[in-house]
Amino acid sequence: MQGFKTIDEYINAFPEDVQKILNQLRQTIKDAAPEAEETINYQMPTFTLNGNLVHFAAFKNHIGFYPTPAGIEAFREELAPYKGAKGSVQFPIDQPLPLPLIRKIVEYRVKENLERKPKKKSTAKKSQ
C-alpha cells in the first residue's frame, strides 16, 4: 500500500466501481459534516472536526467505516445486520451503502465532537 496524501489519491487507487462507492460515502460524510476537514490518518480517508470524526477504507469484500466506539454503540440496533467491532462496521461491497444511516452516525459524531473541549496543539515542548 502506498503513502496517500489526499482522499482523492486514496479513492483513485481503486477500480472504478469501488471509486463510485467511496465517492458516495465521502459525499454523504461531507453533507453531514460540512465543517469537517479531510485528511489521511492511518493511511485511511479521515474527516476531522475538533479531533477525529470518522475514517473509512475499502477492502476486497467490504467498506470499513470507523465512527469510534461511541458512534457504533449509539446505532447498535441499526448496525446489527453488519459485521463490526468496537469502533468499526463493515458494509459489504456488493450491497448498496446505508447512506441515510451513515449520515445519522456522522451527524451524531459531529454533535459529540463539538461538545468536547477543543484539543490544544502544543507548539513547544515544556522545558524541565
Protein backbone atom coordinates (compact mmCIF):
# COMPACT_ATOMS: atom_id res chain seq x y z
CA MET A 1 0.00 0.00 0.00
CA GLN A 2 1.37 3.39 -0.94
CA GLY A 3 1.52 6.52 1.22
CA PHE A 4 -1.56 8.56 0.36
CA LYS A 5 -1.53 12.31 0.89
CA THR A 6 -5.17 13.09 -0.03
CA ILE A 7 -8.53 11.36 -0.10
CA ASP A 8 -8.59 11.82 -3.87
CA GLU A 9 -5.32 9.86 -4.17
CA TYR A 10 -6.75 7.12 -1.97
CA ILE A 11 -10.01 6.80 -3.92
CA ASN A 12 -8.26 6.92 -7.29
CA ALA A 13 -6.14 3.90 -6.32
CA PHE A 14 -9.22 1.64 -6.56
CA PRO A 15 -11.17 0.24 -9.52
CA GLU A 16 -13.92 2.45 -10.91
CA ASP A 17 -16.80 0.55 -9.26
CA VAL A 18 -15.17 0.91 -5.82
CA GLN A 19 -14.35 4.57 -6.52
CA LYS A 20 -18.07 5.19 -7.07
CA ILE A 21 -18.92 3.67 -3.66
CA LEU A 22 -16.14 5.59 -1.90
CA ASN A 23 -17.22 8.86 -3.51
CA GLN A 24 -20.82 8.27 -2.37
CA LEU A 25 -19.58 7.67 1.16
CA ARG A 26 -17.32 10.71 1.06
CA GLN A 27 -20.14 12.96 -0.18
CA THR A 28 -22.52 11.66 2.49
CA ILE A 29 -19.95 12.50 5.18
CA LYS A 30 -19.33 15.95 3.66
CA ASP A 31 -23.07 16.66 3.57
CA ALA A 32 -23.49 15.59 7.20
CA ALA A 33 -20.36 17.41 8.40
CA PRO A 34 -19.73 20.39 6.11
CA GLU A 35 -17.31 21.98 8.62
CA ALA A 36 -15.12 18.86 8.84
CA GLU A 37 -11.69 18.78 7.25
CA GLU A 38 -10.42 15.97 5.06
CA THR A 39 -7.10 14.30 5.74
CA ILE A 40 -5.40 10.92 5.70
CA ASN A 41 -4.80 9.23 9.07
CA TYR A 42 -3.61 5.63 9.45
CA GLN A 43 -3.48 5.57 5.61
CA MET A 44 -7.30 5.92 5.56
CA PRO A 45 -9.53 8.79 4.46
CA THR A 46 -10.38 10.70 7.61
CA PHE A 47 -12.67 13.57 8.47
CA THR A 48 -11.72 15.71 11.46
CA LEU A 49 -13.69 18.23 13.46
CA ASN A 50 -12.32 19.01 16.91
CA GLY A 51 -10.45 15.71 16.66
CA ASN A 52 -11.06 12.61 14.55
CA LEU A 53 -14.66 12.37 13.37
CA VAL A 54 -14.80 9.28 11.14
CA HIS A 55 -12.49 7.18 8.95
CA PHE A 56 -13.31 4.87 6.06
CA ALA A 57 -11.43 2.38 3.93
CA ALA A 58 -12.01 -0.04 1.08
CA PHE A 59 -11.18 -3.72 1.29
CA LYS A 60 -11.68 -6.66 -1.05
CA ASN A 61 -15.16 -7.57 0.20
CA HIS A 62 -16.30 -4.60 2.26
CA ILE A 63 -16.11 -0.90 3.01
CA GLY A 64 -14.87 -0.25 6.54
CA PHE A 65 -16.46 2.66 8.38
CA TYR A 66 -14.91 3.82 11.65
CA PRO A 67 -17.07 6.26 13.65
CA THR A 68 -15.42 5.46 17.04
CA PRO A 69 -16.88 3.09 19.63
CA ALA A 70 -19.42 5.74 20.71
CA GLY A 71 -20.72 6.06 17.13
CA ILE A 72 -21.13 2.29 16.88
CA GLU A 73 -22.80 1.95 20.28
CA ALA A 74 -25.31 4.72 19.62
CA PHE A 75 -26.57 2.95 16.48
CA ARG A 76 -26.07 -0.66 17.60
CA GLU A 77 -29.57 -1.80 16.56
CA GLU A 78 -29.41 -0.26 13.09
CA LEU A 79 -25.90 -1.67 12.59
CA ALA A 80 -26.87 -5.16 13.79
CA PRO A 81 -27.14 -6.62 10.25
CA TYR A 82 -23.49 -5.75 9.56
CA LYS A 83 -20.22 -7.25 10.78
CA GLY A 84 -18.29 -4.97 13.04
CA ALA A 85 -16.21 -4.45 16.11
CA LYS A 86 -15.99 -1.96 18.95
CA GLY A 87 -15.29 1.07 16.74
CA SER A 88 -15.96 -0.17 13.22
CA VAL A 89 -18.55 -1.59 10.89
CA GLN A 90 -18.16 -3.48 7.60
CA PHE A 91 -20.54 -2.74 4.75
CA PRO A 92 -20.47 -5.49 2.09
CA ILE A 93 -19.01 -4.11 -1.12
CA ASP A 94 -21.66 -5.88 -3.23
CA GLN A 95 -24.60 -4.16 -1.46
CA PRO A 96 -25.70 -0.51 -1.50
CA LEU A 97 -24.30 1.54 1.36
CA PRO A 98 -26.90 2.51 4.00
CA LEU A 99 -26.27 6.20 3.29
CA PRO A 100 -29.11 7.59 5.47
CA LEU A 101 -27.77 5.60 8.42
CA ILE A 102 -24.20 6.72 7.73
CA ARG A 103 -25.42 10.33 7.64
CA LYS A 104 -27.13 9.90 11.03
CA ILE A 105 -23.97 8.41 12.53
CA VAL A 106 -21.81 11.24 11.18
CA GLU A 107 -24.26 13.86 12.50
CA TYR A 108 -24.12 12.14 15.89
CA ARG A 109 -20.32 12.22 15.83
CA VAL A 110 -20.32 15.93 14.87
CA LYS A 111 -22.51 16.74 17.87
CA GLU A 112 -20.33 14.58 20.11
CA ASN A 113 -17.09 16.22 18.94
CA LEU A 114 -18.45 19.76 19.17
CA GLU A 115 -19.48 19.16 22.79
CA ARG A 116 -15.91 18.26 23.73
CA LYS A 117 -13.35 20.86 24.63
CA PRO A 118 -11.08 21.65 21.67
CA LYS A 119 -7.82 19.77 21.65
CA LYS A 120 -4.84 22.00 22.29
CA LYS A 121 -1.95 21.75 19.89
CA SER A 122 1.35 22.03 21.68
CA THR A 123 3.75 24.29 19.84
CA ALA A 124 6.79 23.69 22.02
CA LYS A 125 7.97 21.08 24.45
CA LYS A 126 7.94 22.10 28.08
CA SER A 127 11.39 22.75 29.43
CA GLN A 128 12.40 20.95 32.59
